[in-house]
């Protein structure tokens, strides 16, 4: 009998993979209109639970360059924590 938790985990991974690939390409912003400073993205990566990030978080859903930079910052943070 299939494990329902495992199926849920697989569906979540598929969804997150789709969302990541979609957000990373679907919203080009070559003029970088309305983009937050890199320091704001860094702070959000380091302190994701702060409510002050609402506007930055919302921006990430409509700006692929910022979303990609945020993902880079998360990866860098993960690497630093692993050392």
N, C-alpha and C. Protein backbone atom coordinates (compact mmCIF):
# COMPACT_ATOMS: atom_id res chain seq x y z
N UNK A 1 0.84 -1.19 0.00
CA UNK A 1 0.00 0.00 0.00
C UNK A 1 0.89 1.25 0.00
N UNK A 2 0.63 2.19 -0.90
CA UNK A 2 1.45 3.41 -0.96
C UNK A 2 1.36 4.22 0.32
N UNK A 3 2.48 4.78 0.69
CA UNK A 3 2.55 5.62 1.88
C UNK A 3 2.03 7.01 1.53
N UNK A 4 0.91 7.46 2.17
CA UNK A 4 0.33 8.78 1.84
C UNK A 4 1.30 9.94 2.10
N UNK A 5 2.12 9.83 3.15
CA UNK A 5 3.08 10.90 3.44
C UNK A 5 4.11 11.00 2.32
N UNK A 6 4.57 9.86 1.83
CA UNK A 6 5.55 9.87 0.74
C UNK A 6 4.94 10.48 -0.52
N UNK A 7 3.70 10.14 -0.81
CA UNK A 7 3.02 10.71 -1.99
C UNK A 7 2.89 12.22 -1.84
N UNK A 8 2.57 12.67 -0.63
CA UNK A 8 2.44 14.11 -0.38
C UNK A 8 3.79 14.79 -0.58
N UNK A 9 4.87 14.17 -0.07
CA UNK A 9 6.21 14.75 -0.23
C UNK A 9 6.58 14.86 -1.70
N UNK A 10 6.26 13.83 -2.49
CA UNK A 10 6.56 13.85 -3.92
C UNK A 10 5.78 14.96 -4.61
N UNK A 11 4.50 15.09 -4.28
CA UNK A 11 3.69 16.14 -4.89
C UNK A 11 4.22 17.53 -4.52
N UNK A 12 4.63 17.70 -3.27
CA UNK A 12 5.19 18.98 -2.85
C UNK A 12 6.47 19.29 -3.61
N UNK A 13 7.34 18.28 -3.77
CA UNK A 13 8.59 18.49 -4.50
C UNK A 13 8.32 18.84 -5.96
N UNK A 14 7.35 18.16 -6.57
CA UNK A 14 6.99 18.47 -7.95
C UNK A 14 6.47 19.89 -8.07
N UNK A 15 5.60 20.28 -7.15
CA UNK A 15 5.03 21.63 -7.17
C UNK A 15 6.12 22.67 -6.97
N UNK A 16 6.98 22.45 -5.98
CA UNK A 16 8.04 23.42 -5.71
C UNK A 16 9.02 23.51 -6.87
N UNK A 17 9.30 22.38 -7.50
CA UNK A 17 10.16 22.39 -8.68
C UNK A 17 9.55 23.19 -9.81
N UNK A 18 8.25 22.98 -10.04
CA UNK A 18 7.55 23.74 -11.07
C UNK A 18 7.55 25.22 -10.74
N UNK A 19 7.22 25.56 -9.50
CA UNK A 19 7.16 26.97 -9.09
C UNK A 19 8.53 27.63 -9.25
N UNK A 20 9.57 26.93 -8.85
CA UNK A 20 10.92 27.49 -8.96
C UNK A 20 11.29 27.74 -10.42
N UNK A 21 11.02 26.77 -11.28
CA UNK A 21 11.37 26.96 -12.69
C UNK A 21 10.51 28.05 -13.34
N UNK A 22 9.25 28.13 -12.95
CA UNK A 22 8.35 29.15 -13.50
C UNK A 22 8.78 30.55 -13.06
N UNK A 23 8.97 30.72 -11.76
CA UNK A 23 9.33 32.04 -11.24
C UNK A 23 10.71 32.50 -11.72
N UNK A 24 11.58 31.55 -12.02
CA UNK A 24 12.93 31.93 -12.44
C UNK A 24 12.99 32.43 -13.88
N UNK A 25 11.91 32.21 -14.66
CA UNK A 25 11.95 32.62 -16.07
C UNK A 25 10.74 33.42 -16.55
N UNK A 26 9.62 33.31 -15.89
CA UNK A 26 8.36 33.85 -16.41
C UNK A 26 8.23 35.36 -16.32
N UNK A 27 9.04 36.00 -15.51
CA UNK A 27 8.86 37.43 -15.26
C UNK A 27 10.15 38.21 -15.47
N UNK A 28 10.60 38.33 -16.72
CA UNK A 28 11.82 39.11 -16.97
C UNK A 28 11.59 40.57 -16.59
N UNK A 29 12.61 41.18 -16.13
CA UNK A 29 12.53 42.59 -15.73
C UNK A 29 13.87 43.23 -16.08
N UNK A 30 14.16 43.37 -17.39
CA UNK A 30 15.48 43.85 -17.81
C UNK A 30 15.85 45.23 -17.28
N UNK A 31 14.86 46.08 -17.07
CA UNK A 31 15.15 47.41 -16.52
C UNK A 31 15.22 47.39 -15.00
N UNK A 32 14.90 46.24 -14.42
CA UNK A 32 14.92 46.05 -12.96
C UNK A 32 14.05 47.09 -12.25
N UNK A 33 12.85 47.30 -12.80
CA UNK A 33 11.89 48.24 -12.23
C UNK A 33 11.38 47.74 -10.89
N UNK A 34 11.47 48.60 -9.88
CA UNK A 34 10.92 48.30 -8.57
C UNK A 34 11.68 47.27 -7.76
N UNK A 35 12.88 46.94 -8.17
CA UNK A 35 13.64 45.89 -7.49
C UNK A 35 14.20 46.38 -6.15
N UNK A 36 14.14 45.52 -5.14
CA UNK A 36 14.74 45.87 -3.85
C UNK A 36 16.26 45.81 -3.94
N UNK A 37 16.90 46.47 -2.99
CA UNK A 37 18.37 46.41 -2.92
C UNK A 37 18.80 44.99 -2.56
N UNK A 38 20.01 44.64 -2.95
CA UNK A 38 20.55 43.32 -2.64
C UNK A 38 20.57 43.09 -1.13
N UNK A 39 20.81 44.14 -0.37
CA UNK A 39 20.83 44.00 1.09
C UNK A 39 19.47 43.58 1.64
N UNK A 40 18.39 44.02 0.99
CA UNK A 40 17.06 43.61 1.42
C UNK A 40 16.82 42.13 1.13
N UNK A 41 17.29 41.67 -0.04
CA UNK A 41 17.16 40.25 -0.38
C UNK A 41 17.99 39.40 0.58
N UNK A 42 19.18 39.90 0.92
CA UNK A 42 20.05 39.18 1.85
C UNK A 42 19.39 39.08 3.22
N UNK A 43 18.83 40.17 3.69
CA UNK A 43 18.17 40.16 5.00
C UNK A 43 17.00 39.18 5.01
N UNK A 44 16.24 39.16 3.92
CA UNK A 44 15.12 38.23 3.84
C UNK A 44 15.60 36.78 3.85
N UNK A 45 16.71 36.51 3.17
CA UNK A 45 17.27 35.16 3.16
C UNK A 45 17.74 34.75 4.56
N UNK A 46 18.34 35.70 5.26
CA UNK A 46 18.87 35.41 6.59
C UNK A 46 17.81 35.38 7.68
N UNK A 47 16.73 36.13 7.50
CA UNK A 47 15.66 36.23 8.50
C UNK A 47 14.30 36.09 7.82
N UNK A 48 13.98 34.90 7.31
CA UNK A 48 12.77 34.74 6.49
C UNK A 48 11.45 34.94 7.23
N UNK A 49 11.44 34.86 8.54
CA UNK A 49 10.18 34.96 9.27
C UNK A 49 9.79 36.37 9.67
N UNK A 50 10.62 37.34 9.37
CA UNK A 50 10.29 38.72 9.70
C UNK A 50 9.15 39.22 8.82
N UNK A 51 8.17 39.84 9.41
CA UNK A 51 7.01 40.32 8.66
C UNK A 51 7.33 41.54 7.80
N UNK A 52 8.45 42.19 8.05
CA UNK A 52 8.83 43.38 7.29
C UNK A 52 9.15 43.06 5.83
N UNK A 53 9.23 41.79 5.48
CA UNK A 53 9.61 41.40 4.13
C UNK A 53 8.44 41.24 3.17
N UNK A 54 7.25 41.61 3.55
CA UNK A 54 6.06 41.35 2.73
C UNK A 54 6.19 41.94 1.32
N UNK A 55 6.63 43.17 1.21
CA UNK A 55 6.72 43.77 -0.13
C UNK A 55 7.83 43.13 -0.97
N UNK A 56 8.94 42.76 -0.33
CA UNK A 56 10.02 42.09 -1.05
C UNK A 56 9.56 40.71 -1.49
N UNK A 57 8.91 40.01 -0.61
CA UNK A 57 8.39 38.68 -0.93
C UNK A 57 7.42 38.74 -2.10
N UNK A 58 6.55 39.72 -2.08
CA UNK A 58 5.59 39.90 -3.17
C UNK A 58 6.32 40.22 -4.48
N UNK A 59 7.35 41.03 -4.40
CA UNK A 59 8.13 41.39 -5.59
C UNK A 59 8.76 40.15 -6.22
N UNK A 60 9.22 39.22 -5.40
CA UNK A 60 9.86 38.00 -5.91
C UNK A 60 8.92 37.18 -6.77
N UNK A 61 7.62 37.33 -6.57
CA UNK A 61 6.66 36.55 -7.36
C UNK A 61 6.38 37.17 -8.72
N UNK A 62 6.98 38.34 -9.00
CA UNK A 62 6.76 38.98 -10.30
C UNK A 62 8.04 39.55 -10.92
N UNK A 63 9.18 39.10 -10.42
CA UNK A 63 10.47 39.55 -10.97
C UNK A 63 11.45 38.39 -10.95
N UNK A 64 11.66 37.78 -12.10
CA UNK A 64 12.56 36.63 -12.18
C UNK A 64 14.00 36.95 -11.79
N UNK A 65 14.57 38.08 -12.19
CA UNK A 65 15.95 38.37 -11.76
C UNK A 65 16.09 38.42 -10.24
N UNK A 66 15.14 39.03 -9.56
CA UNK A 66 15.21 39.10 -8.10
C UNK A 66 14.98 37.73 -7.48
N UNK A 67 14.05 36.97 -8.04
CA UNK A 67 13.82 35.62 -7.54
C UNK A 67 15.09 34.79 -7.67
N UNK A 68 15.75 34.88 -8.82
CA UNK A 68 16.99 34.12 -9.02
C UNK A 68 18.09 34.58 -8.07
N UNK A 69 18.20 35.87 -7.85
CA UNK A 69 19.21 36.38 -6.90
C UNK A 69 18.90 35.88 -5.50
N UNK A 70 17.64 35.90 -5.12
CA UNK A 70 17.24 35.41 -3.81
C UNK A 70 17.60 33.93 -3.66
N UNK A 71 17.37 33.14 -4.69
CA UNK A 71 17.71 31.72 -4.64
C UNK A 71 19.23 31.54 -4.50
N UNK A 72 20.02 32.38 -5.17
CA UNK A 72 21.48 32.35 -5.02
C UNK A 72 21.88 32.65 -3.59
N UNK A 73 21.25 33.66 -3.01
CA UNK A 73 21.56 34.03 -1.63
C UNK A 73 21.22 32.91 -0.66
N UNK A 74 20.09 32.24 -0.89
CA UNK A 74 19.73 31.10 -0.04
C UNK A 74 20.76 29.98 -0.15
N UNK A 75 21.22 29.71 -1.37
CA UNK A 75 22.23 28.66 -1.57
C UNK A 75 23.54 29.04 -0.88
N UNK A 76 23.94 30.31 -0.99
CA UNK A 76 25.16 30.77 -0.33
C UNK A 76 25.04 30.63 1.19
N UNK A 77 23.89 31.00 1.71
CA UNK A 77 23.65 30.90 3.15
C UNK A 77 23.71 29.45 3.61
N UNK A 78 23.12 28.57 2.84
CA UNK A 78 23.13 27.14 3.17
C UNK A 78 24.56 26.60 3.17
N UNK A 79 25.37 27.03 2.20
CA UNK A 79 26.77 26.61 2.13
C UNK A 79 27.55 27.11 3.33
N UNK A 80 27.34 28.37 3.71
CA UNK A 80 28.04 28.93 4.88
C UNK A 80 27.67 28.19 6.15
N UNK A 81 26.40 27.86 6.30
CA UNK A 81 25.95 27.17 7.51
C UNK A 81 26.49 25.74 7.58
N UNK A 82 26.74 25.14 6.43
CA UNK A 82 27.23 23.76 6.39
C UNK A 82 28.71 23.67 6.78
N UNK A 83 29.42 24.79 6.71
CA UNK A 83 30.86 24.77 7.04
C UNK A 83 31.11 24.79 8.51
